[in-house]
Every structure is written in structure tokens, then in C-alpha cells.
PDB file of all heavy atoms in Angstrom:
ATOM      1  N   ALA A   1      28.258  -5.236  69.916  1.00  0.00           N
ATOM      2  CA  ALA A   1      27.005  -5.992  69.888  1.00  0.00           C
ATOM      3  C   ALA A   1      26.894  -6.865  68.648  1.00  0.00           C
ATOM      4  O   ALA A   1      27.506  -6.605  67.614  1.00  0.00           O
ATOM      5  CB  ALA A   1      25.818  -5.028  69.953  1.00  0.00           C
ATOM      6  N   VAL A   2      26.077  -7.901  68.797  1.00  0.00           N
ATOM      7  CA  VAL A   2      25.627  -8.727  67.684  1.00  0.00           C
ATOM      8  C   VAL A   2      24.104  -8.635  67.660  1.00  0.00           C
ATOM      9  O   VAL A   2      23.443  -8.811  68.693  1.00  0.00           O
ATOM     10  CB  VAL A   2      26.041 -10.204  67.858  1.00  0.00           C
ATOM     11  CG1 VAL A   2      25.402 -11.062  66.763  1.00  0.00           C
ATOM     12  CG2 VAL A   2      27.548 -10.346  67.834  1.00  0.00           C
ATOM     13  N   PHE A   3      23.534  -8.356  66.495  1.00  0.00           N
ATOM     14  CA  PHE A   3      22.084  -8.342  66.306  1.00  0.00           C
ATOM     15  C   PHE A   3      21.685  -9.625  65.588  1.00  0.00           C
ATOM     16  O   PHE A   3      22.209  -9.921  64.512  1.00  0.00           O
ATOM     17  CB  PHE A   3      21.666  -7.133  65.465  1.00  0.00           C
ATOM     18  CG  PHE A   3      21.901  -5.802  66.114  1.00  0.00           C
ATOM     19  CD1 PHE A   3      23.105  -5.146  65.951  1.00  0.00           C
ATOM     20  CD2 PHE A   3      20.918  -5.207  66.887  1.00  0.00           C
ATOM     21  CE1 PHE A   3      23.330  -3.909  66.535  1.00  0.00           C
ATOM     22  CE2 PHE A   3      21.124  -3.976  67.480  1.00  0.00           C
ATOM     23  CZ  PHE A   3      22.340  -3.322  67.317  1.00  0.00           C
ATOM     24  N   ALA A   4      20.752 -10.390  66.171  1.00  0.00           N
ATOM     25  CA  ALA A   4      20.373 -11.684  65.587  1.00  0.00           C
ATOM     26  C   ALA A   4      18.891 -11.961  65.798  1.00  0.00           C
ATOM     27  O   ALA A   4      18.205 -11.270  66.561  1.00  0.00           O
ATOM     28  CB  ALA A   4      21.225 -12.797  66.199  1.00  0.00           C
ATOM     29  N   GLY A   5      18.415 -13.005  65.128  1.00  0.00           N
ATOM     30  CA  GLY A   5      17.013 -13.404  65.233  1.00  0.00           C
ATOM     31  C   GLY A   5      16.888 -14.912  65.286  1.00  0.00           C
ATOM     32  O   GLY A   5      17.555 -15.565  66.056  1.00  0.00           O
ATOM     33  N   HIS A   6      15.994 -15.473  64.440  1.00  0.00           N
ATOM     34  CA  HIS A   6      15.818 -16.907  64.236  1.00  0.00           C
ATOM     35  C   HIS A   6      15.059 -17.617  65.360  1.00  0.00           C
ATOM     36  O   HIS A   6      14.222 -18.468  65.094  1.00  0.00           O
ATOM     37  CB  HIS A   6      17.176 -17.585  64.020  1.00  0.00           C
ATOM     38  CG  HIS A   6      17.086 -19.029  63.617  1.00  0.00           C
ATOM     39  ND1 HIS A   6      16.475 -19.449  62.454  1.00  0.00           N
ATOM     40  CD2 HIS A   6      17.530 -20.169  64.228  1.00  0.00           C
ATOM     41  CE1 HIS A   6      16.545 -20.752  62.355  1.00  0.00           C
ATOM     42  NE2 HIS A   6      17.172 -21.219  63.416  1.00  0.00           N
ATOM     43  N   LEU A   7      15.345 -17.304  66.605  1.00  0.00           N
ATOM     44  CA  LEU A   7      14.753 -18.030  67.718  1.00  0.00           C
ATOM     45  C   LEU A   7      13.331 -17.567  68.047  1.00  0.00           C
ATOM     46  O   LEU A   7      12.615 -18.247  68.788  1.00  0.00           O
ATOM     47  CB  LEU A   7      15.624 -17.883  68.969  1.00  0.00           C
ATOM     48  CG  LEU A   7      17.042 -18.436  68.879  1.00  0.00           C
ATOM     49  CD1 LEU A   7      17.814 -18.109  70.157  1.00  0.00           C
ATOM     50  CD2 LEU A   7      17.016 -19.943  68.653  1.00  0.00           C
ATOM     51  N   HIS A   8      12.933 -16.405  67.555  1.00  0.00           N
ATOM     52  CA  HIS A   8      11.641 -15.815  67.902  1.00  0.00           C
ATOM     53  C   HIS A   8      11.540 -15.605  69.422  1.00  0.00           C
ATOM     54  O   HIS A   8      10.459 -15.765  70.007  1.00  0.00           O
ATOM     55  CB  HIS A   8      10.472 -16.664  67.406  1.00  0.00           C
ATOM     56  CG  HIS A   8      10.370 -16.758  65.922  1.00  0.00           C
ATOM     57  ND1 HIS A   8       9.190 -17.032  65.269  1.00  0.00           N
ATOM     58  CD2 HIS A   8      11.307 -16.613  64.943  1.00  0.00           C
ATOM     59  CE1 HIS A   8       9.404 -17.071  63.955  1.00  0.00           C
ATOM     60  NE2 HIS A   8      10.677 -16.817  63.734  1.00  0.00           N
ATOM     61  N   GLN A   9      12.649 -15.237  70.035  1.00  0.00           N
ATOM     62  CA  GLN A   9      12.706 -15.014  71.481  1.00  0.00           C
ATOM     63  C   GLN A   9      13.524 -13.760  71.749  1.00  0.00           C
ATOM     64  O   GLN A   9      14.499 -13.459  71.041  1.00  0.00           O
ATOM     65  CB  GLN A   9      13.375 -16.201  72.182  1.00  0.00           C
ATOM     66  CG  GLN A   9      12.609 -17.505  72.065  1.00  0.00           C
ATOM     67  CD  GLN A   9      11.402 -17.570  72.981  1.00  0.00           C
ATOM     68  OE1 GLN A   9      11.497 -17.308  74.161  1.00  0.00           O
ATOM     69  NE2 GLN A   9      10.256 -17.918  72.410  1.00  0.00           N
ATOM     70  N   ARG A  10      13.143 -13.030  72.793  1.00  0.00           N
ATOM     71  CA  ARG A  10      13.812 -11.786  73.143  1.00  0.00           C
ATOM     72  C   ARG A  10      14.690 -11.986  74.373  1.00  0.00           C
ATOM     73  O   ARG A  10      14.214 -12.388  75.430  1.00  0.00           O
ATOM     74  CB  ARG A  10      12.753 -10.718  73.444  1.00  0.00           C
ATOM     75  CG  ARG A  10      13.314  -9.361  73.807  1.00  0.00           C
ATOM     76  CD  ARG A  10      12.203  -8.388  74.167  1.00  0.00           C
ATOM     77  NE  ARG A  10      11.770  -8.525  75.548  1.00  0.00           N
ATOM     78  CZ  ARG A  10      10.509  -8.636  75.953  1.00  0.00           C
ATOM     79  NH1 ARG A  10       9.539  -8.702  75.051  1.00  0.00           N
ATOM     80  NH2 ARG A  10      10.213  -8.719  77.225  1.00  0.00           N
ATOM     81  N   PHE A  11      15.992 -11.735  74.220  1.00  0.00           N
ATOM     82  CA  PHE A  11      16.905 -11.783  75.362  1.00  0.00           C
ATOM     83  C   PHE A  11      18.252 -11.227  74.945  1.00  0.00           C
ATOM     84  O   PHE A  11      18.504 -10.978  73.763  1.00  0.00           O
ATOM     85  CB  PHE A  11      17.067 -13.222  75.898  1.00  0.00           C
ATOM     86  CG  PHE A  11      17.681 -14.189  74.933  1.00  0.00           C
ATOM     87  CD1 PHE A  11      19.061 -14.357  74.848  1.00  0.00           C
ATOM     88  CD2 PHE A  11      16.892 -14.953  74.078  1.00  0.00           C
ATOM     89  CE1 PHE A  11      19.627 -15.251  73.958  1.00  0.00           C
ATOM     90  CE2 PHE A  11      17.453 -15.855  73.185  1.00  0.00           C
ATOM     91  CZ  PHE A  11      18.827 -16.001  73.124  1.00  0.00           C
ATOM     92  N   SER A  12      19.133 -11.025  75.906  1.00  0.00           N
ATOM     93  CA  SER A  12      20.498 -10.622  75.614  1.00  0.00           C
ATOM     94  C   SER A  12      21.460 -11.531  76.349  1.00  0.00           C
ATOM     95  O   SER A  12      21.123 -12.125  77.373  1.00  0.00           O
ATOM     96  CB  SER A  12      20.748  -9.163  76.017  1.00  0.00           C
ATOM     97  OG  SER A  12      20.743  -9.037  77.427  1.00  0.00           O
ATOM     98  N   VAL A  13      22.668 -11.672  75.792  1.00  0.00           N
ATOM     99  CA  VAL A  13      23.716 -12.505  76.365  1.00  0.00           C
ATOM    100  C   VAL A  13      25.030 -11.743  76.234  1.00  0.00           C
ATOM    101  O   VAL A  13      25.242 -11.050  75.230  1.00  0.00           O
ATOM    102  CB  VAL A  13      23.828 -13.857  75.619  1.00  0.00           C
ATOM    103  CG1 VAL A  13      24.945 -14.714  76.192  1.00  0.00           C
ATOM    104  CG2 VAL A  13      22.522 -14.616  75.666  1.00  0.00           C
ATOM    105  N   THR A  14      25.899 -11.849  77.211  1.00  0.00           N
ATOM    106  CA  THR A  14      27.235 -11.263  77.062  1.00  0.00           C
ATOM    107  C   THR A  14      28.254 -12.365  76.887  1.00  0.00           C
ATOM    108  O   THR A  14      28.140 -13.445  77.449  1.00  0.00           O
ATOM    109  CB  THR A  14      27.613 -10.408  78.286  1.00  0.00           C
ATOM    110  OG1 THR A  14      27.513 -11.202  79.470  1.00  0.00           O
ATOM    111  CG2 THR A  14      26.701  -9.207  78.404  1.00  0.00           C
ATOM    112  N   TYR A  15      29.257 -12.062  76.061  1.00  0.00           N
ATOM    113  CA  TYR A  15      30.300 -13.032  75.754  1.00  0.00           C
ATOM    114  C   TYR A  15      31.636 -12.304  75.648  1.00  0.00           C
ATOM    115  O   TYR A  15      31.705 -11.196  75.123  1.00  0.00           O
ATOM    116  CB  TYR A  15      30.023 -13.735  74.425  1.00  0.00           C
ATOM    117  CG  TYR A  15      31.093 -14.723  74.008  1.00  0.00           C
ATOM    118  CD1 TYR A  15      31.005 -16.056  74.381  1.00  0.00           C
ATOM    119  CD2 TYR A  15      32.186 -14.310  73.268  1.00  0.00           C
ATOM    120  CE1 TYR A  15      31.992 -16.967  74.012  1.00  0.00           C
ATOM    121  CE2 TYR A  15      33.173 -15.209  72.897  1.00  0.00           C
ATOM    122  CZ  TYR A  15      33.068 -16.532  73.275  1.00  0.00           C
ATOM    123  OH  TYR A  15      34.053 -17.419  72.918  1.00  0.00           O
ATOM    124  N   GLY A  16      32.679 -12.917  76.122  1.00  0.00           N
ATOM    125  CA  GLY A  16      34.008 -12.388  75.891  1.00  0.00           C
ATOM    126  C   GLY A  16      34.863 -12.264  77.126  1.00  0.00           C
ATOM    127  O   GLY A  16      36.081 -12.270  77.042  1.00  0.00           O
ATOM    128  N   GLU A  17      34.256 -12.098  78.286  1.00  0.00           N
ATOM    129  CA  GLU A  17      35.037 -11.929  79.493  1.00  0.00           C
ATOM    130  C   GLU A  17      35.866 -13.183  79.764  1.00  0.00           C
ATOM    131  O   GLU A  17      35.366 -14.299  79.733  1.00  0.00           O
ATOM    132  CB  GLU A  17      34.111 -11.653  80.678  1.00  0.00           C
ATOM    133  CG  GLU A  17      33.345 -10.343  80.517  1.00  0.00           C
ATOM    134  CD  GLU A  17      32.207 -10.201  81.514  1.00  0.00           C
ATOM    135  OE1 GLU A  17      31.838 -11.219  82.121  1.00  0.00           O
ATOM    136  OE2 GLU A  17      31.695  -9.090  81.664  1.00  0.00           O
ATOM    137  N   ASP A  18      37.167 -12.980  80.018  1.00  0.00           N
ATOM    138  CA  ASP A  18      38.101 -14.071  80.314  1.00  0.00           C
ATOM    139  C   ASP A  18      38.261 -15.040  79.136  1.00  0.00           C
ATOM    140  O   ASP A  18      38.680 -16.177  79.319  1.00  0.00           O
ATOM    141  CB  ASP A  18      37.662 -14.857  81.562  1.00  0.00           C
ATOM    142  CG  ASP A  18      37.540 -13.956  82.775  1.00  0.00           C
ATOM    143  OD1 ASP A  18      38.390 -13.056  82.917  1.00  0.00           O
ATOM    144  OD2 ASP A  18      36.600 -14.152  83.548  1.00  0.00           O
ATOM    145  N   VAL A  19      37.882 -14.591  77.941  1.00  0.00           N
ATOM    146  CA  VAL A  19      38.042 -15.453  76.772  1.00  0.00           C
ATOM    147  C   VAL A  19      39.095 -14.870  75.846  1.00  0.00           C
ATOM    148  O   VAL A  19      40.145 -15.453  75.641  1.00  0.00           O
ATOM    149  CB  VAL A  19      36.701 -15.629  76.027  1.00  0.00           C
ATOM    150  CG1 VAL A  19      36.899 -16.492  74.789  1.00  0.00           C
ATOM    151  CG2 VAL A  19      35.677 -16.253  76.953  1.00  0.00           C
ATOM    152  N   ALA A  20      38.814 -13.729  75.269  1.00  0.00           N
ATOM    153  CA  ALA A  20      39.779 -13.096  74.370  1.00  0.00           C
ATOM    154  C   ALA A  20      40.127 -11.687  74.811  1.00  0.00           C
ATOM    155  O   ALA A  20      41.206 -11.204  74.529  1.00  0.00           O
ATOM    156  CB  ALA A  20      39.225 -13.069  72.941  1.00  0.00           C
ATOM    157  N   ALA A  21      39.213 -11.033  75.483  1.00  0.00           N
ATOM    158  CA  ALA A  21      39.418  -9.657  75.927  1.00  0.00           C
ATOM    159  C   ALA A  21      38.876  -9.546  77.347  1.00  0.00           C
ATOM    160  O   ALA A  21      37.693  -9.306  77.543  1.00  0.00           O
ATOM    161  CB  ALA A  21      38.706  -8.677  74.993  1.00  0.00           C
ATOM    162  N   PRO A  22      39.714  -9.742  78.351  1.00  0.00           N
ATOM    163  CA  PRO A  22      39.249  -9.791  79.739  1.00  0.00           C
ATOM    164  C   PRO A  22      38.488  -8.555  80.197  1.00  0.00           C
ATOM    165  O   PRO A  22      37.646  -8.641  81.095  1.00  0.00           O
ATOM    166  CB  PRO A  22      40.543  -9.966  80.537  1.00  0.00           C
ATOM    167  CG  PRO A  22      41.497 -10.588  79.577  1.00  0.00           C
ATOM    168  CD  PRO A  22      41.162 -10.012  78.237  1.00  0.00           C
ATOM    169  N   ASP A  23      38.761  -7.398  79.575  1.00  0.00           N
ATOM    170  CA  ASP A  23      38.095  -6.171  79.999  1.00  0.00           C
ATOM    171  C   ASP A  23      36.995  -5.742  79.038  1.00  0.00           C
ATOM    172  O   ASP A  23      36.544  -4.593  79.055  1.00  0.00           O
ATOM    173  CB  ASP A  23      39.117  -5.043  80.154  1.00  0.00           C
ATOM    174  CG  ASP A  23      39.825  -4.731  78.832  1.00  0.00           C
ATOM    175  OD1 ASP A  23      39.801  -5.604  77.936  1.00  0.00           O
ATOM    176  OD2 ASP A  23      40.389  -3.637  78.714  1.00  0.00           O
ATOM    177  N   HIS A  24      36.552  -6.657  78.172  1.00  0.00           N
ATOM    178  CA  HIS A  24      35.521  -6.300  77.198  1.00  0.00           C
ATOM    179  C   HIS A  24      34.628  -7.500  76.920  1.00  0.00           C
ATOM    180  O   HIS A  24      35.105  -8.635  76.858  1.00  0.00           O
ATOM    181  CB  HIS A  24      36.144  -5.829  75.878  1.00  0.00           C
ATOM    182  CG  HIS A  24      35.135  -5.451  74.836  1.00  0.00           C
ATOM    183  ND1 HIS A  24      34.458  -4.257  74.860  1.00  0.00           N
ATOM    184  CD2 HIS A  24      34.673  -6.122  73.748  1.00  0.00           C
ATOM    185  CE1 HIS A  24      33.631  -4.195  73.837  1.00  0.00           C
ATOM    186  NE2 HIS A  24      33.737  -5.324  73.143  1.00  0.00           N
ATOM    187  N   SER A  25      33.349  -7.271  76.744  1.00  0.00           N
ATOM    188  CA  SER A  25      32.431  -8.338  76.368  1.00  0.00           C
ATOM    189  C   SER A  25      31.528  -7.865  75.240  1.00  0.00           C
ATOM    190  O   SER A  25      31.270  -6.672  75.082  1.00  0.00           O
ATOM    191  CB  SER A  25      31.576  -8.784  77.565  1.00  0.00           C
ATOM    192  OG  SER A  25      30.799  -7.705  78.048  1.00  0.00           O
ATOM    193  N   VAL A  26      31.087  -8.816  74.431  1.00  0.00           N
ATOM    194  CA  VAL A  26      30.168  -8.556  73.323  1.00  0.00           C
ATOM    195  C   VAL A  26      28.755  -8.879  73.789  1.00  0.00           C
ATOM    196  O   VAL A  26      28.520  -9.939  74.369  1.00  0.00           O
ATOM    197  CB  VAL A  26      30.525  -9.421  72.098  1.00  0.00           C
ATOM    198  CG1 VAL A  26      29.596  -9.115  70.930  1.00  0.00           C
ATOM    199  CG2 VAL A  26      31.981  -9.221  71.709  1.00  0.00           C
ATOM    200  N   THR A  27      27.815  -7.993  73.528  1.00  0.00           N
ATOM    201  CA  THR A  27      26.416  -8.239  73.867  1.00  0.00           C
ATOM    202  C   THR A  27      25.688  -8.803  72.662  1.00  0.00           C
ATOM    203  O   THR A  27      25.660  -8.170  71.601  1.00  0.00           O
ATOM    204  CB  THR A  27      25.723  -6.948  74.318  1.00  0.00           C
ATOM    205  OG1 THR A  27      26.413  -6.395  75.440  1.00  0.00           O
ATOM    206  CG2 THR A  27      24.276  -7.227  74.730  1.00  0.00           C
ATOM    207  N   VAL A  28      25.145 -10.000  72.796  1.00  0.00           N
ATOM    208  CA  VAL A  28      24.355 -10.615  71.731  1.00  0.00           C
ATOM    209  C   VAL A  28      22.893 -10.264  71.982  1.00  0.00           C
ATOM    210  O   VAL A  28      22.325 -10.624  73.024  1.00  0.00           O
ATOM    211  CB  VAL A  28      24.548 -12.146  71.710  1.00  0.00           C
ATOM    212  CG1 VAL A  28      23.703 -12.761  70.596  1.00  0.00           C
ATOM    213  CG2 VAL A  28      26.021 -12.487  71.516  1.00  0.00           C
ATOM    214  N   LEU A  29      22.290  -9.548  71.045  1.00  0.00           N
ATOM    215  CA  LEU A  29      20.922  -9.054  71.187  1.00  0.00           C
ATOM    216  C   LEU A  29      19.988  -9.856  70.288  1.00  0.00           C
ATOM    217  O   LEU A  29      20.103  -9.816  69.064  1.00  0.00           O
ATOM    218  CB  LEU A  29      20.855  -7.569  70.821  1.00  0.00           C
ATOM    219  CG  LEU A  29      21.711  -6.632  71.656  1.00  0.00           C
ATOM    220  CD1 LEU A  29      21.719  -5.237  71.047  1.00  0.00           C
ATOM    221  CD2 LEU A  29      21.214  -6.587  73.092  1.00  0.00           C
ATOM    222  N   GLN A  30      19.067 -10.560  70.889  1.00  0.00           N
ATOM    223  CA  GLN A  30      18.070 -11.348  70.158  1.00  0.00           C
ATOM    224  C   GLN A  30      16.705 -10.660  70.276  1.00  0.00           C
ATOM    225  O   GLN A  30      16.353 -10.151  71.345  1.00  0.00           O
ATOM    226  CB  GLN A  30      17.958 -12.752  70.751  1.00  0.00           C
ATOM    227  CG  GLN A  30      19.201 -13.607  70.617  1.00  0.00           C
ATOM    228  CD  GLN A  30      19.345 -14.264  69.269  1.00  0.00           C
ATOM    229  OE1 GLN A  30      20.441 -14.641  68.873  1.00  0.00           O
ATOM    230  NE2 GLN A  30      18.248 -14.386  68.535  1.00  0.00           N
ATOM    231  N   VAL A  31      15.952 -10.646  69.180  1.00  0.00           N
ATOM    232  CA  VAL A  31      14.580 -10.156  69.213  1.00  0.00           C
ATOM    233  C   VAL A  31      13.649 -11.248  68.713  1.00  0.00           C
ATOM    234  O   VAL A  31      14.051 -12.153  67.994  1.00  0.00           O
ATOM    235  CB  VAL A  31      14.389  -8.877  68.364  1.00  0.00           C
ATOM    236  CG1 VAL A  31      15.134  -7.698  68.970  1.00  0.00           C
ATOM    237  CG2 VAL A  31      14.829  -9.106  66.929  1.00  0.00           C
ATOM    238  N   GLY A  32      12.388 -11.147  69.106  1.00  0.00           N
ATOM    239  CA  GLY A  32      11.383 -12.088  68.633  1.00  0.00           C
ATOM    240  C   GLY A  32      10.903 -11.717  67.241  1.00  0.00           C
ATOM    241  O   GLY A  32      11.421 -10.805  66.594  1.00  0.00           O
ATOM    242  N   THR A  33       9.904 -12.410  66.767  1.00  0.00           N
ATOM    243  CA  THR A  33       9.332 -12.074  65.470  1.00  0.00           C
ATOM    244  C   THR A  33       8.497 -10.801  65.585  1.00  0.00           C
ATOM    245  O   THR A  33       7.739 -10.631  66.541  1.00  0.00           O
ATOM    246  CB  THR A  33       8.479 -13.216  64.910  1.00  0.00           C
ATOM    247  OG1 THR A  33       7.839 -12.784  63.696  1.00  0.00           O
ATOM    248  CG2 THR A  33       7.416 -13.678  65.888  1.00  0.00           C
ATOM    249  N   ALA A  34       8.639  -9.932  64.596  1.00  0.00           N
ATOM    250  CA  ALA A  34       7.900  -8.674  64.643  1.00  0.00           C
ATOM    251  C   ALA A  34       6.470  -8.821  64.156  1.00  0.00           C
ATOM    252  O   ALA A  34       5.544  -8.257  64.754  1.00  0.00           O
ATOM    253  CB  ALA A  34       8.623  -7.626  63.806  1.00  0.00           C
ATOM    254  N   THR A  35       6.254  -9.617  63.112  1.00  0.00           N
ATOM    255  CA  THR A  35       4.949  -9.583  62.445  1.00  0.00           C
ATOM    256  C   THR A  35       4.348 -10.951  62.148  1.00  0.00           C
ATOM    257  O   THR A  35       3.273 -11.027  61.566  1.00  0.00           O
ATOM    258  CB  THR A  35       5.065  -8.812  61.116  1.00  0.00           C
ATOM    259  OG1 THR A  35       6.071  -9.427  60.308  1.00  0.00           O
ATOM    260  CG2 THR A  35       5.448  -7.362  61.357  1.00  0.00           C
ATOM    261  N   SER A  36       5.016 -12.035  62.525  1.00  0.00           N
ATOM    262  CA  SER A  36       4.528 -13.372  62.195  1.00  0.00           C
ATOM    263  C   SER A  36       3.619 -13.915  63.295  1.00  0.00           C
ATOM    264  O   SER A  36       3.754 -13.558  64.469  1.00  0.00           O
ATOM    265  CB  SER A  36       5.713 -14.325  61.996  1.00  0.00           C
ATOM    266  OG  SER A  36       5.269 -15.659  61.861  1.00  0.00           O
ATOM    267  N   HIS A  37       2.742 -14.842  62.910  1.00  0.00           N
ATOM    268  CA  HIS A  37       1.917 -15.532  63.910  1.00  0.00           C
ATOM    269  C   HIS A  37       2.694 -16.666  64.592  1.00  0.00           C
ATOM    270  O   HIS A  37       2.199 -17.276  65.537  1.00  0.00           O
ATOM    271  CB  HIS A  37       0.635 -16.080  63.272  1.00  0.00           C
ATOM    272  CG  HIS A  37       0.861 -17.037  62.138  1.00  0.00           C
ATOM    273  ND1 HIS A  37       1.373 -18.309  62.306  1.00  0.00           N
ATOM    274  CD2 HIS A  37       0.643 -16.889  60.808  1.00  0.00           C
ATOM    275  CE1 HIS A  37       1.450 -18.918  61.137  1.00  0.00           C
ATOM    276  NE2 HIS A  37       1.020 -18.088  60.200  1.00  0.00           N
ATOM    277  N   ARG A  38       3.925 -16.922  64.164  1.00  0.00           N
ATOM    278  CA  ARG A  38       4.766 -17.958  64.775  1.00  0.00           C
ATOM    279  C   ARG A  38       5.499 -17.350  65.983  1.00  0.00           C
ATOM    280  O   ARG A  38       6.693 -17.118  65.959  1.00  0.00           O
ATOM    281  CB  ARG A  38       5.745 -18.514  63.744  1.00  0.00           C
ATOM    282  CG  ARG A  38       5.065 -19.124  62.532  1.00  0.00           C
ATOM    283  CD  ARG A  38       6.066 -19.539  61.477  1.00  0.00           C
ATOM    284  NE  ARG A  38       6.934 -20.606  62.003  1.00  0.00           N
ATOM    285  CZ  ARG A  38       8.191 -20.783  61.615  1.00  0.00           C
ATOM    286  NH1 ARG A  38       8.738 -19.942  60.761  1.00  0.00           N
ATOM    287  NH2 ARG A  38       8.901 -21.778  62.113  1.00  0.00           N
ATOM    288  N   ARG A  39       4.763 -17.078  67.031  1.00  0.00           N
ATOM    289  CA  ARG A  39       5.290 -16.294  68.147  1.00  0.00           C
ATOM    290  C   ARG A  39       6.072 -17.099  69.177  1.00  0.00           C
ATOM    291  O   ARG A  39       6.815 -16.543  69.963  1.00  0.00           O
ATOM    292  CB  ARG A  39       4.130 -15.563  68.838  1.00  0.00           C
ATOM    293  CG  ARG A  39       3.614 -14.387  68.053  1.00  0.00           C
ATOM    294  CD  ARG A  39       2.416 -13.747  68.722  1.00  0.00           C
ATOM    295  NE  ARG A  39       1.177 -14.393  68.316  1.00  0.00           N
ATOM    296  CZ  ARG A  39       0.452 -14.012  67.264  1.00  0.00           C
ATOM    297  NH1 ARG A  39       0.853 -13.001  66.505  1.00  0.00           N
ATOM    298  NH2 ARG A  39      -0.662 -14.637  66.940  1.00  0.00           N
ATOM    299  N   ARG A  40       5.897 -18.388  69.246  1.00  0.00           N
ATOM    300  CA  ARG A  40       6.592 -19.239  70.207  1.00  0.00           C
ATOM    301  C   ARG A  40       6.452 -18.724  71.646  1.00  0.00           C
ATOM    302  O   ARG A  40       7.440 -18.525  72.356  1.00  0.00           O
ATOM    303  CB  ARG A  40       8.064 -19.400  69.826  1.00  0.00           C
ATOM    304  CG  ARG A  40       8.257 -20.117  68.494  1.00  0.00           C
ATOM    305  CD  ARG A  40       9.709 -20.387  68.164  1.00  0.00           C
ATOM    306  NE  ARG A  40       9.815 -20.940  66.818  1.00  0.00           N
ATOM    307  CZ  ARG A  40      10.770 -20.628  65.939  1.00  0.00           C
ATOM    308  NH1 ARG A  40      11.728 -19.795  66.270  1.00  0.00           N
ATOM    309  NH2 ARG A  40      10.785 -21.182  64.748  1.00  0.00           N
ATOM    310  N   ASP A  41       5.232 -18.462  72.019  1.00  0.00           N
ATOM    311  CA  ASP A  41       4.885 -18.094  73.404  1.00  0.00           C
ATOM    312  C   ASP A  41       5.466 -16.752  73.835  1.00  0.00           C
ATOM    313  O   ASP A  41       5.603 -16.490  75.033  1.00  0.00           O
ATOM    314  CB  ASP A  41       5.324 -19.183  74.395  1.00  0.00           C
ATOM    315  CG  ASP A  41       4.638 -20.506  74.131  1.00  0.00           C
ATOM    316  OD1 ASP A  41       3.444 -20.490  73.782  1.00  0.00           O
ATOM    317  OD2 ASP A  41       5.293 -21.559  74.253  1.00  0.00           O
TER     318      ASP A  41
END
């Protein structure tokens, strides 16, 4: 997994299949802002 922020949006993405490791993918985990009023909907 990769843990990331910046976008103030919650979602996950998988990466890696058929790129470098055909039988493995990396999950990119994004979270929104925890405590800011800059919520971006």
C-alpha cells in the first residue's frame, strides 16, 4: 500500500498489474482532510 493525502478526497486505486509484477498490485489509499474546513465537498 501507499498512504497519501493532499487531494482532500477519499478513494483507493490499484496499480501494478501487467506493469512490473503481473501477480501483484499496489493499493494507493487516499484520505480526505481530518480536521480542516477545506473539505472539497
